[in-house]
């Protein structure tokens, strides 16, 4: 049986639903659960609070949305 344990608050849950990423975060504190199978850690769960951050570099010549400096007299 698959078991998920929270490293922050100690919350535990078990079941096959832990195979789906949306069920791999702690409902108490939001941390990613550590996933165990047969008493052995198999993976780190997913949490939107600890997910990777992505940065997009925009070209400098594109005005930001809502920028008032744009000429709209036409």
N, C-alpha and C. Protein backbone atom coordinates (compact mmCIF):
# COMPACT_ATOMS: atom_id res chain seq x y z
N UNK A 1 0.85 -1.18 0.00
CA UNK A 1 0.00 0.00 0.00
C UNK A 1 0.90 1.24 0.00
N UNK A 2 0.47 2.24 -0.71
CA UNK A 2 1.22 3.50 -0.78
C UNK A 2 0.81 4.36 0.42
N UNK A 3 1.80 5.01 1.01
CA UNK A 3 1.56 5.89 2.16
C UNK A 3 2.24 7.23 1.92
N UNK A 4 1.58 8.30 2.30
CA UNK A 4 2.16 9.64 2.20
C UNK A 4 2.30 10.23 3.59
N UNK A 5 3.49 10.75 3.89
CA UNK A 5 3.75 11.36 5.19
C UNK A 5 4.25 12.78 5.00
N UNK A 6 3.70 13.69 5.79
CA UNK A 6 4.12 15.09 5.71
C UNK A 6 5.38 15.29 6.56
N UNK A 7 6.45 15.83 5.98
CA UNK A 7 7.68 16.07 6.74
C UNK A 7 7.57 17.25 7.71
N UNK A 8 6.58 18.12 7.51
CA UNK A 8 6.44 19.30 8.37
C UNK A 8 5.55 19.05 9.58
N UNK A 9 4.33 18.55 9.36
CA UNK A 9 3.38 18.43 10.47
C UNK A 9 3.09 17.00 10.90
N UNK A 10 3.58 15.99 10.15
CA UNK A 10 3.40 14.60 10.53
C UNK A 10 2.11 13.96 10.03
N UNK A 11 1.29 14.67 9.25
CA UNK A 11 0.05 14.12 8.71
C UNK A 11 0.35 12.89 7.85
N UNK A 12 -0.49 11.86 7.96
CA UNK A 12 -0.31 10.64 7.17
C UNK A 12 -1.59 10.31 6.42
N UNK A 13 -1.45 9.77 5.22
CA UNK A 13 -2.58 9.25 4.46
C UNK A 13 -2.08 8.07 3.65
N UNK A 14 -2.99 7.16 3.34
CA UNK A 14 -2.62 5.96 2.59
C UNK A 14 -3.65 5.72 1.50
N UNK A 15 -3.22 5.10 0.40
CA UNK A 15 -4.13 4.74 -0.67
C UNK A 15 -3.53 4.98 -2.04
N UNK A 16 -4.15 4.36 -3.03
CA UNK A 16 -3.66 4.45 -4.40
C UNK A 16 -3.85 5.84 -5.00
N UNK A 17 -4.71 6.66 -4.40
CA UNK A 17 -4.91 8.02 -4.90
C UNK A 17 -3.64 8.85 -4.82
N UNK A 18 -2.69 8.44 -4.00
CA UNK A 18 -1.41 9.17 -3.88
C UNK A 18 -0.57 9.08 -5.15
N UNK A 19 -0.95 8.26 -6.09
CA UNK A 19 -0.24 8.20 -7.37
C UNK A 19 -0.52 9.43 -8.23
N UNK A 20 -1.60 10.15 -7.93
CA UNK A 20 -1.99 11.35 -8.68
C UNK A 20 -1.40 12.59 -8.00
N UNK A 21 -0.67 13.44 -8.71
CA UNK A 21 0.00 14.59 -8.10
C UNK A 21 -0.90 15.51 -7.27
N UNK A 22 -2.16 15.69 -7.64
CA UNK A 22 -3.01 16.59 -6.88
C UNK A 22 -3.31 16.05 -5.48
N UNK A 23 -3.06 14.76 -5.23
CA UNK A 23 -3.26 14.17 -3.91
C UNK A 23 -1.96 14.04 -3.12
N UNK A 24 -0.88 14.60 -3.62
CA UNK A 24 0.41 14.43 -2.98
C UNK A 24 0.84 15.62 -2.14
N UNK A 25 -0.10 16.49 -1.78
CA UNK A 25 0.23 17.60 -0.89
C UNK A 25 -0.58 17.46 0.39
N UNK A 26 -0.03 17.97 1.48
CA UNK A 26 -0.66 17.87 2.79
C UNK A 26 -1.87 18.79 2.88
N UNK A 27 -3.06 18.26 3.25
CA UNK A 27 -4.23 19.12 3.37
C UNK A 27 -4.19 20.03 4.61
N UNK A 28 -3.27 19.76 5.52
CA UNK A 28 -3.16 20.56 6.74
C UNK A 28 -2.26 21.77 6.54
N UNK A 29 -1.02 21.53 6.06
CA UNK A 29 -0.06 22.63 5.94
C UNK A 29 0.36 22.95 4.51
N UNK A 30 0.02 22.10 3.52
CA UNK A 30 0.33 22.38 2.12
C UNK A 30 1.68 21.88 1.63
N UNK A 31 2.47 21.25 2.51
CA UNK A 31 3.78 20.74 2.10
C UNK A 31 3.63 19.51 1.22
N UNK A 32 4.66 19.20 0.45
CA UNK A 32 4.66 18.00 -0.37
C UNK A 32 4.85 16.78 0.53
N UNK A 33 4.02 15.76 0.32
CA UNK A 33 4.14 14.54 1.11
C UNK A 33 5.31 13.70 0.61
N UNK A 34 5.93 12.97 1.52
CA UNK A 34 6.94 11.99 1.14
C UNK A 34 6.19 10.69 0.88
N UNK A 35 6.39 10.08 -0.28
CA UNK A 35 5.65 8.90 -0.68
C UNK A 35 6.46 7.64 -0.38
N UNK A 36 5.84 6.71 0.37
CA UNK A 36 6.48 5.46 0.77
C UNK A 36 5.68 4.29 0.22
N UNK A 37 6.38 3.23 -0.15
CA UNK A 37 5.73 1.99 -0.56
C UNK A 37 6.51 0.84 0.05
N UNK A 38 5.83 0.02 0.84
CA UNK A 38 6.50 -1.09 1.52
C UNK A 38 7.51 -0.61 2.55
N UNK A 39 7.28 0.55 3.15
CA UNK A 39 8.18 1.09 4.16
C UNK A 39 9.40 1.80 3.61
N UNK A 40 9.54 1.85 2.30
CA UNK A 40 10.71 2.47 1.65
C UNK A 40 10.26 3.72 0.90
N UNK A 41 10.98 4.82 1.06
CA UNK A 41 10.63 6.07 0.37
C UNK A 41 10.88 5.89 -1.13
N UNK A 42 9.83 6.18 -1.91
CA UNK A 42 9.95 6.02 -3.36
C UNK A 42 9.99 7.35 -4.10
N UNK A 43 9.41 8.41 -3.51
CA UNK A 43 9.46 9.70 -4.18
C UNK A 43 9.02 10.82 -3.25
N UNK A 44 9.26 12.03 -3.72
CA UNK A 44 8.78 13.24 -3.06
C UNK A 44 7.53 13.68 -3.77
N UNK A 45 6.47 13.95 -3.04
CA UNK A 45 5.21 14.36 -3.64
C UNK A 45 5.28 15.74 -4.25
N UNK A 46 4.16 16.16 -4.81
CA UNK A 46 4.05 17.46 -5.46
C UNK A 46 3.26 18.40 -4.57
N UNK A 47 3.70 19.64 -4.50
CA UNK A 47 2.94 20.69 -3.83
C UNK A 47 3.07 21.96 -4.64
N UNK A 48 1.98 22.68 -4.89
CA UNK A 48 2.09 23.93 -5.64
C UNK A 48 2.89 24.99 -4.88
N UNK A 49 3.03 24.83 -3.57
CA UNK A 49 3.78 25.80 -2.77
C UNK A 49 5.29 25.59 -2.87
N UNK A 50 5.70 24.39 -3.27
CA UNK A 50 7.13 24.11 -3.40
C UNK A 50 7.52 23.78 -4.84
N UNK A 51 6.61 24.03 -5.77
CA UNK A 51 6.88 23.75 -7.18
C UNK A 51 7.96 24.68 -7.71
N UNK A 52 8.61 24.25 -8.77
CA UNK A 52 9.64 25.03 -9.43
C UNK A 52 9.08 26.35 -9.95
N UNK A 53 9.87 27.41 -9.86
CA UNK A 53 9.44 28.71 -10.39
C UNK A 53 10.01 28.89 -11.79
N UNK A 54 9.18 29.44 -12.66
CA UNK A 54 9.61 29.70 -14.03
C UNK A 54 9.60 31.20 -14.26
N UNK A 55 10.63 31.69 -14.92
CA UNK A 55 10.74 33.11 -15.23
C UNK A 55 10.79 33.27 -16.74
N UNK A 56 10.06 34.26 -17.21
CA UNK A 56 10.01 34.53 -18.65
C UNK A 56 10.65 35.89 -18.89
N UNK A 57 11.61 35.95 -19.77
CA UNK A 57 12.26 37.21 -20.11
C UNK A 57 11.54 37.83 -21.30
N UNK A 58 10.93 39.00 -21.06
CA UNK A 58 10.25 39.70 -22.13
C UNK A 58 11.19 40.69 -22.79
N UNK A 59 11.03 40.92 -24.10
CA UNK A 59 11.82 41.94 -24.76
C UNK A 59 11.50 43.32 -24.16
N UNK A 60 12.49 44.18 -24.07
CA UNK A 60 12.31 45.47 -23.41
C UNK A 60 11.49 46.46 -24.25
N UNK A 61 11.30 46.21 -25.55
CA UNK A 61 10.56 47.16 -26.38
C UNK A 61 9.04 46.92 -26.37
N UNK A 62 8.56 45.94 -25.64
CA UNK A 62 7.13 45.68 -25.54
C UNK A 62 6.60 46.37 -24.28
N UNK A 63 5.61 47.27 -24.44
CA UNK A 63 5.08 47.97 -23.25
C UNK A 63 4.30 47.01 -22.35
N UNK A 64 4.33 47.29 -21.07
CA UNK A 64 3.58 46.48 -20.11
C UNK A 64 2.09 46.73 -20.25
N UNK A 65 1.24 45.75 -19.92
CA UNK A 65 -0.21 45.98 -19.99
C UNK A 65 -0.62 47.10 -19.04
N UNK A 66 -1.48 47.97 -19.52
CA UNK A 66 -1.93 49.09 -18.69
C UNK A 66 -0.96 50.25 -18.65
N UNK A 67 0.08 50.23 -19.49
CA UNK A 67 1.07 51.31 -19.52
C UNK A 67 0.43 52.55 -20.15
N UNK A 68 0.42 53.67 -19.45
CA UNK A 68 -0.24 54.90 -19.90
C UNK A 68 0.62 55.73 -20.86
N UNK A 69 1.87 55.37 -21.07
CA UNK A 69 2.76 56.16 -21.93
C UNK A 69 2.49 55.94 -23.42
N UNK A 70 1.69 54.96 -23.73
CA UNK A 70 1.39 54.65 -25.13
C UNK A 70 0.49 55.74 -25.73
N UNK A 71 0.78 56.17 -26.96
CA UNK A 71 0.00 57.21 -27.63
C UNK A 71 -1.26 56.60 -28.23
N UNK A 72 -2.45 57.01 -27.77
CA UNK A 72 -3.71 56.48 -28.28
C UNK A 72 -4.56 57.58 -28.91
N UNK A 73 -3.96 58.54 -29.55
CA UNK A 73 -4.70 59.68 -30.10
C UNK A 73 -5.34 59.37 -31.46
N UNK A 74 -5.08 58.23 -32.05
CA UNK A 74 -5.64 57.91 -33.37
C UNK A 74 -6.98 57.29 -33.31
